Amino acid sequence: MRVAVVVISSKIVSGAEPDQGREAIAQMVLELPGTMVAYDVIPDERNEIRNRLIALCADQADVVLTLGGTGVRPTDWAPEATRDVIEKEVPGIGEAMRLESLKKVRTAMLSRGTAGIRGRTLIVNLPGSLNGAKENLAVILPVLAHTVEKINKRDA
């Protein structure tokens, strides 16, 4: 599985915070199993997110994972930018991640992450915390390969 990762953080882009998660994220992708074909850190700006998602889908990543931008802050735009570019929403992915996360932390109900399909690429919004991203990825892992296979099926 070819996986692109987009970390959405204006703080990392500006240098106000270090990007400490790259190695852990690369390990997460390997465990899918997958190959990381892109890793980008972009600001919390809807147009930037939208443009990057479009470009990564055009490059034929099987899956694009966004990390961050799923909360209720005024700067959190990942779900909106995702909906701007997808052709089909897959709301059950976000619902499943929230349902499982609620068992651990009550603030999970504030996560607005979603998932959808653009062309032959699945886009999934994960939380910005590495722990939250790992836990949410574990929830969808059992259906991830199946979903990618279905998206890429060419017969009707």
C-alpha atoms as a PDB file:
ATOM      1  CA  MET A   1       0.000   0.000   0.000  1.00  0.00           C
ATOM      2  CA  ARG A   2       1.410   3.384  -1.023  1.00  0.00           C
ATOM      3  CA  VAL A   3       0.777   5.839   1.819  1.00  0.00           C
ATOM      4  CA  ALA A   4       1.215   9.607   1.846  1.00  0.00           C
ATOM      5  CA  VAL A   5       1.245  11.473   5.154  1.00  0.00           C
ATOM      6  CA  VAL A   6       0.256  15.097   5.652  1.00  0.00           C
ATOM      7  CA  VAL A   7       0.971  16.618   9.059  1.00  0.00           C
ATOM      8  CA  ILE A   8      -1.185  19.719   9.494  1.00  0.00           C
ATOM      9  CA  SER A   9       0.529  22.094  11.907  1.00  0.00           C
ATOM     10  CA  SER A  10       1.246  25.783  11.500  1.00  0.00           C
ATOM     11  CA  LYS A  11       3.432  25.576  14.613  1.00  0.00           C
ATOM     12  CA  ILE A  12       5.758  23.018  13.055  1.00  0.00           C
ATOM     13  CA  VAL A  13       5.855  24.882   9.728  1.00  0.00           C
ATOM     14  CA  SER A  14       6.788  28.141  11.501  1.00  0.00           C
ATOM     15  CA  GLY A  15       9.464  26.432  13.620  1.00  0.00           C
ATOM     16  CA  ALA A  16       7.628  27.145  16.882  1.00  0.00           C
ATOM     17  CA  GLU A  17       7.494  23.380  17.520  1.00  0.00           C
ATOM     18  CA  PRO A  18       9.802  20.615  16.283  1.00  0.00           C
ATOM     19  CA  ASP A  19       8.493  17.824  14.069  1.00  0.00           C
ATOM     20  CA  GLN A  20       9.102  14.987  16.497  1.00  0.00           C
ATOM     21  CA  GLY A  21       6.724  12.490  14.963  1.00  0.00           C
ATOM     22  CA  ARG A  22       8.244  11.621  11.598  1.00  0.00           C
ATOM     23  CA  GLU A  23      10.005   8.418  12.716  1.00  0.00           C
ATOM     24  CA  ALA A  24       6.978   7.186  14.655  1.00  0.00           C
ATOM     25  CA  ILE A  25       4.691   7.928  11.709  1.00  0.00           C
ATOM     26  CA  ALA A  26       7.049   6.121   9.318  1.00  0.00           C
ATOM     27  CA  GLN A  27       6.932   3.112  11.651  1.00  0.00           C
ATOM     28  CA  MET A  28       3.112   3.265  11.722  1.00  0.00           C
ATOM     29  CA  VAL A  29       3.041   3.165   7.919  1.00  0.00           C
ATOM     30  CA  LEU A  30       5.462   0.216   7.774  1.00  0.00           C
ATOM     31  CA  GLU A  31       3.231  -1.723  10.165  1.00  0.00           C
ATOM     32  CA  LEU A  32       0.151  -1.299   7.921  1.00  0.00           C
ATOM     33  CA  PRO A  33       2.056  -2.723   5.883  1.00  0.00           C
ATOM     34  CA  GLY A  34       2.752   0.189   3.615  1.00  0.00           C
ATOM     35  CA  THR A  35       5.389   2.282   1.927  1.00  0.00           C
ATOM     36  CA  MET A  36       5.514   5.986   2.726  1.00  0.00           C
ATOM     37  CA  VAL A  37       5.606   7.731  -0.650  1.00  0.00           C
ATOM     38  CA  ALA A  38       5.296  11.291   0.713  1.00  0.00           C
ATOM     39  CA  TYR A  39       5.610  13.100   4.019  1.00  0.00           C
ATOM     40  CA  ASP A  40       4.615  16.749   4.189  1.00  0.00           C
ATOM     41  CA  VAL A  41       4.113  19.265   6.950  1.00  0.00           C
ATOM     42  CA  ILE A  42       1.754  22.058   5.971  1.00  0.00           C
ATOM     43  CA  PRO A  43       0.033  24.917   7.801  1.00  0.00           C
ATOM     44  CA  ASP A  44      -3.505  24.819   9.205  1.00  0.00           C
ATOM     45  CA  GLU A  45      -4.951  26.533   6.147  1.00  0.00           C
ATOM     46  CA  ARG A  46      -7.899  25.090   4.255  1.00  0.00           C
ATOM     47  CA  ASN A  47      -6.594  25.946   0.773  1.00  0.00           C
ATOM     48  CA  GLU A  48      -3.128  24.549   1.520  1.00  0.00           C
ATOM     49  CA  ILE A  49      -4.643  21.316   2.817  1.00  0.00           C
ATOM     50  CA  ARG A  50      -6.997  21.035  -0.152  1.00  0.00           C
ATOM     51  CA  ASN A  51      -4.221  21.660  -2.699  1.00  0.00           C
ATOM     52  CA  ARG A  52      -1.887  19.133  -1.099  1.00  0.00           C
ATOM     53  CA  LEU A  53      -4.603  16.455  -0.968  1.00  0.00           C
ATOM     54  CA  ILE A  54      -5.379  16.989  -4.666  1.00  0.00           C
ATOM     55  CA  ALA A  55      -1.695  16.688  -5.584  1.00  0.00           C
ATOM     56  CA  LEU A  56      -1.162  13.531  -3.517  1.00  0.00           C
ATOM     57  CA  CYS A  57      -4.238  11.858  -4.993  1.00  0.00           C
ATOM     58  CA  ALA A  58      -2.999  12.734  -8.498  1.00  0.00           C
ATOM     59  CA  ASP A  59       0.324  11.071  -7.650  1.00  0.00           C
ATOM     60  CA  GLN A  60      -1.650   7.859  -7.046  1.00  0.00           C
ATOM     61  CA  ALA A  61      -1.064   7.269  -3.365  1.00  0.00           C
ATOM     62  CA  ASP A  62      -3.418   4.486  -2.283  1.00  0.00           C
ATOM     63  CA  VAL A  63      -4.015   6.172   1.066  1.00  0.00           C
ATOM     64  CA  VAL A  64      -3.449   9.716   2.305  1.00  0.00           C
ATOM     65  CA  LEU A  65      -3.349  10.065   6.082  1.00  0.00           C
ATOM     66  CA  THR A  66      -3.740  13.552   7.493  1.00  0.00           C
ATOM     67  CA  LEU A  67      -2.651  14.170  11.080  1.00  0.00           C
ATOM     68  CA  GLY A  68      -4.068  17.175  12.905  1.00  0.00           C
ATOM     69  CA  GLY A  69      -6.675  19.784  12.149  1.00  0.00           C
ATOM     70  CA  THR A  70      -9.638  17.631  13.207  1.00  0.00           C
ATOM     71  CA  GLY A  71     -10.665  19.437  16.391  1.00  0.00           C
ATOM     72  CA  VAL A  72     -12.838  22.436  17.168  1.00  0.00           C
ATOM     73  CA  ARG A  73     -10.226  25.203  17.120  1.00  0.00           C
ATOM     74  CA  PRO A  74     -10.856  28.022  14.647  1.00  0.00           C
ATOM     75  CA  THR A  75      -7.770  26.845  12.704  1.00  0.00           C
ATOM     76  CA  ASP A  76      -8.858  23.182  12.387  1.00  0.00           C
ATOM     77  CA  TRP A  77      -9.763  22.619   8.727  1.00  0.00           C
ATOM     78  CA  ALA A  78      -8.819  19.028   7.819  1.00  0.00           C
ATOM     79  CA  PRO A  79     -12.390  17.640   7.552  1.00  0.00           C
ATOM     80  CA  GLU A  80     -13.617  20.593   5.500  1.00  0.00           C
ATOM     81  CA  ALA A  81     -10.630  20.469   3.149  1.00  0.00           C
ATOM     82  CA  THR A  82     -11.116  16.717   2.797  1.00  0.00           C
ATOM     83  CA  ARG A  83     -14.794  17.157   1.931  1.00  0.00           C
ATOM     84  CA  ASP A  84     -13.786  19.839  -0.596  1.00  0.00           C
ATOM     85  CA  VAL A  85     -11.784  17.301  -2.621  1.00  0.00           C
ATOM     86  CA  ILE A  86     -13.421  13.912  -2.163  1.00  0.00           C
ATOM     87  CA  GLU A  87     -15.931  12.400  -4.536  1.00  0.00           C
ATOM     88  CA  LYS A  88     -17.405   9.991  -1.966  1.00  0.00           C
ATOM     89  CA  GLU A  89     -17.417  10.338   1.799  1.00  0.00           C
ATOM     90  CA  VAL A  90     -16.904   7.234   3.947  1.00  0.00           C
ATOM     91  CA  PRO A  91     -18.387   8.502   7.228  1.00  0.00           C
ATOM     92  CA  GLY A  92     -18.209   5.124   8.983  1.00  0.00           C
ATOM     93  CA  ILE A  93     -14.429   5.427   9.272  1.00  0.00           C
ATOM     94  CA  GLY A  94     -14.628   8.641  11.304  1.00  0.00           C
ATOM     95  CA  GLU A  95     -17.548   7.260  13.312  1.00  0.00           C
ATOM     96  CA  ALA A  96     -15.644   4.075  14.176  1.00  0.00           C
ATOM     97  CA  MET A  97     -12.551   6.005  15.240  1.00  0.00           C
ATOM     98  CA  ARG A  98     -14.607   8.315  17.478  1.00  0.00           C
ATOM     99  CA  LEU A  99     -16.563   5.422  18.988  1.00  0.00           C
ATOM    100  CA  GLU A 100     -13.409   3.551  19.960  1.00  0.00           C
ATOM    101  CA  SER A 101     -11.632   6.699  21.171  1.00  0.00           C
ATOM    102  CA  LEU A 102     -14.571   7.599  23.413  1.00  0.00           C
ATOM    103  CA  LYS A 103     -13.808   4.476  25.436  1.00  0.00           C
ATOM    104  CA  LYS A 104     -10.506   6.107  26.414  1.00  0.00           C
ATOM    105  CA  VAL A 105     -11.080   9.852  26.462  1.00  0.00           C
ATOM    106  CA  ARG A 106     -14.308  11.878  26.617  1.00  0.00           C
ATOM    107  CA  THR A 107     -12.923  14.655  24.422  1.00  0.00           C
ATOM    108  CA  ALA A 108     -12.925  12.205  21.493  1.00  0.00           C
ATOM    109  CA  MET A 109     -16.448  13.427  20.779  1.00  0.00           C
ATOM    110  CA  LEU A 110     -14.867  16.731  19.693  1.00  0.00           C
ATOM    111  CA  SER A 111     -12.928  15.054  16.876  1.00  0.00           C
ATOM    112  CA  ARG A 112     -14.431  15.841  13.481  1.00  0.00           C
ATOM    113  CA  GLY A 113     -12.185  13.611  11.387  1.00  0.00           C
ATOM    114  CA  THR A 114     -13.695  11.946   8.367  1.00  0.00           C
ATOM    115  CA  ALA A 115     -12.626   9.875   5.392  1.00  0.00           C
ATOM    116  CA  GLY A 116     -13.403   9.794   1.714  1.00  0.00           C
ATOM    117  CA  ILE A 117     -12.358   8.752  -1.748  1.00  0.00           C
ATOM    118  CA  ARG A 118     -10.863  10.871  -4.506  1.00  0.00           C
ATOM    119  CA  GLY A 119     -10.195   8.918  -7.669  1.00  0.00           C
ATOM    120  CA  ARG A 120      -8.424   5.781  -6.510  1.00  0.00           C
ATOM    121  CA  THR A 121      -7.178   7.228  -3.215  1.00  0.00           C
ATOM    122  CA  LEU A 122      -8.613   6.931   0.284  1.00  0.00           C
ATOM    123  CA  ILE A 123      -8.100  10.010   2.475  1.00  0.00           C
ATOM    124  CA  VAL A 124      -8.360   9.537   6.251  1.00  0.00           C
ATOM    125  CA  ASN A 125      -8.202  12.327   8.852  1.00  0.00           C
ATOM    126  CA  LEU A 126      -6.385  11.284  12.036  1.00  0.00           C
ATOM    127  CA  PRO A 127      -5.889  13.303  15.220  1.00  0.00           C
ATOM    128  CA  GLY A 128      -2.713  15.344  15.588  1.00  0.00           C
ATOM    129  CA  SER A 129      -1.361  13.524  18.640  1.00  0.00           C
ATOM    130  CA  LEU A 130       0.823  10.546  17.770  1.00  0.00           C
ATOM    131  CA  ASN A 131      -0.880   8.377  20.350  1.00  0.00           C
ATOM    132  CA  GLY A 132      -4.318   9.348  19.034  1.00  0.00           C
ATOM    133  CA  ALA A 133      -3.211   8.776  15.439  1.00  0.00           C
ATOM    134  CA  LYS A 134      -1.852   5.301  16.282  1.00  0.00           C
ATOM    135  CA  GLU A 135      -4.992   4.336  18.174  1.00  0.00           C
ATOM    136  CA  ASN A 136      -7.291   5.563  15.407  1.00  0.00           C
ATOM    137  CA  LEU A 137      -5.226   3.864  12.717  1.00  0.00           C
ATOM    138  CA  ALA A 138      -5.480   0.600  14.685  1.00  0.00           C
ATOM    139  CA  VAL A 139      -9.284   0.912  14.559  1.00  0.00           C
ATOM    140  CA  ILE A 140      -9.409   1.110  10.764  1.00  0.00           C
ATOM    141  CA  LEU A 141      -6.495  -1.240  10.039  1.00  0.00           C
ATOM    142  CA  PRO A 142      -8.713  -4.344   9.716  1.00  0.00           C
ATOM    143  CA  VAL A 143     -10.591  -2.762   6.772  1.00  0.00           C
ATOM    144  CA  LEU A 144      -7.869  -0.602   5.219  1.00  0.00           C
ATOM    145  CA  ALA A 145      -6.467  -3.093   2.678  1.00  0.00           C
ATOM    146  CA  HIS A 146      -9.986  -4.245   1.789  1.00  0.00           C
ATOM    147  CA  THR A 147     -11.079  -0.637   1.226  1.00  0.00           C
ATOM    148  CA  VAL A 148      -8.093   0.114  -1.010  1.00  0.00           C
ATOM    149  CA  GLU A 149      -8.767  -3.076  -2.968  1.00  0.00           C
ATOM    150  CA  LYS A 150     -12.436  -2.115  -3.484  1.00  0.00           C
ATOM    151  CA  ILE A 151     -11.538   1.427  -4.566  1.00  0.00           C
ATOM    152  CA  ASN A 152      -9.122   0.060  -7.168  1.00  0.00           C
ATOM    153  CA  LYS A 153     -11.465  -2.603  -8.527  1.00  0.00           C
ATOM    154  CA  ARG A 154     -12.048  -1.785 -12.164  1.00  0.00           C
ATOM    155  CA  ASP A 155     -15.029  -4.017 -12.922  1.00  0.00           C
ATOM    156  CA  ALA A 156     -18.605  -2.876 -12.268  1.00  0.00           C
END
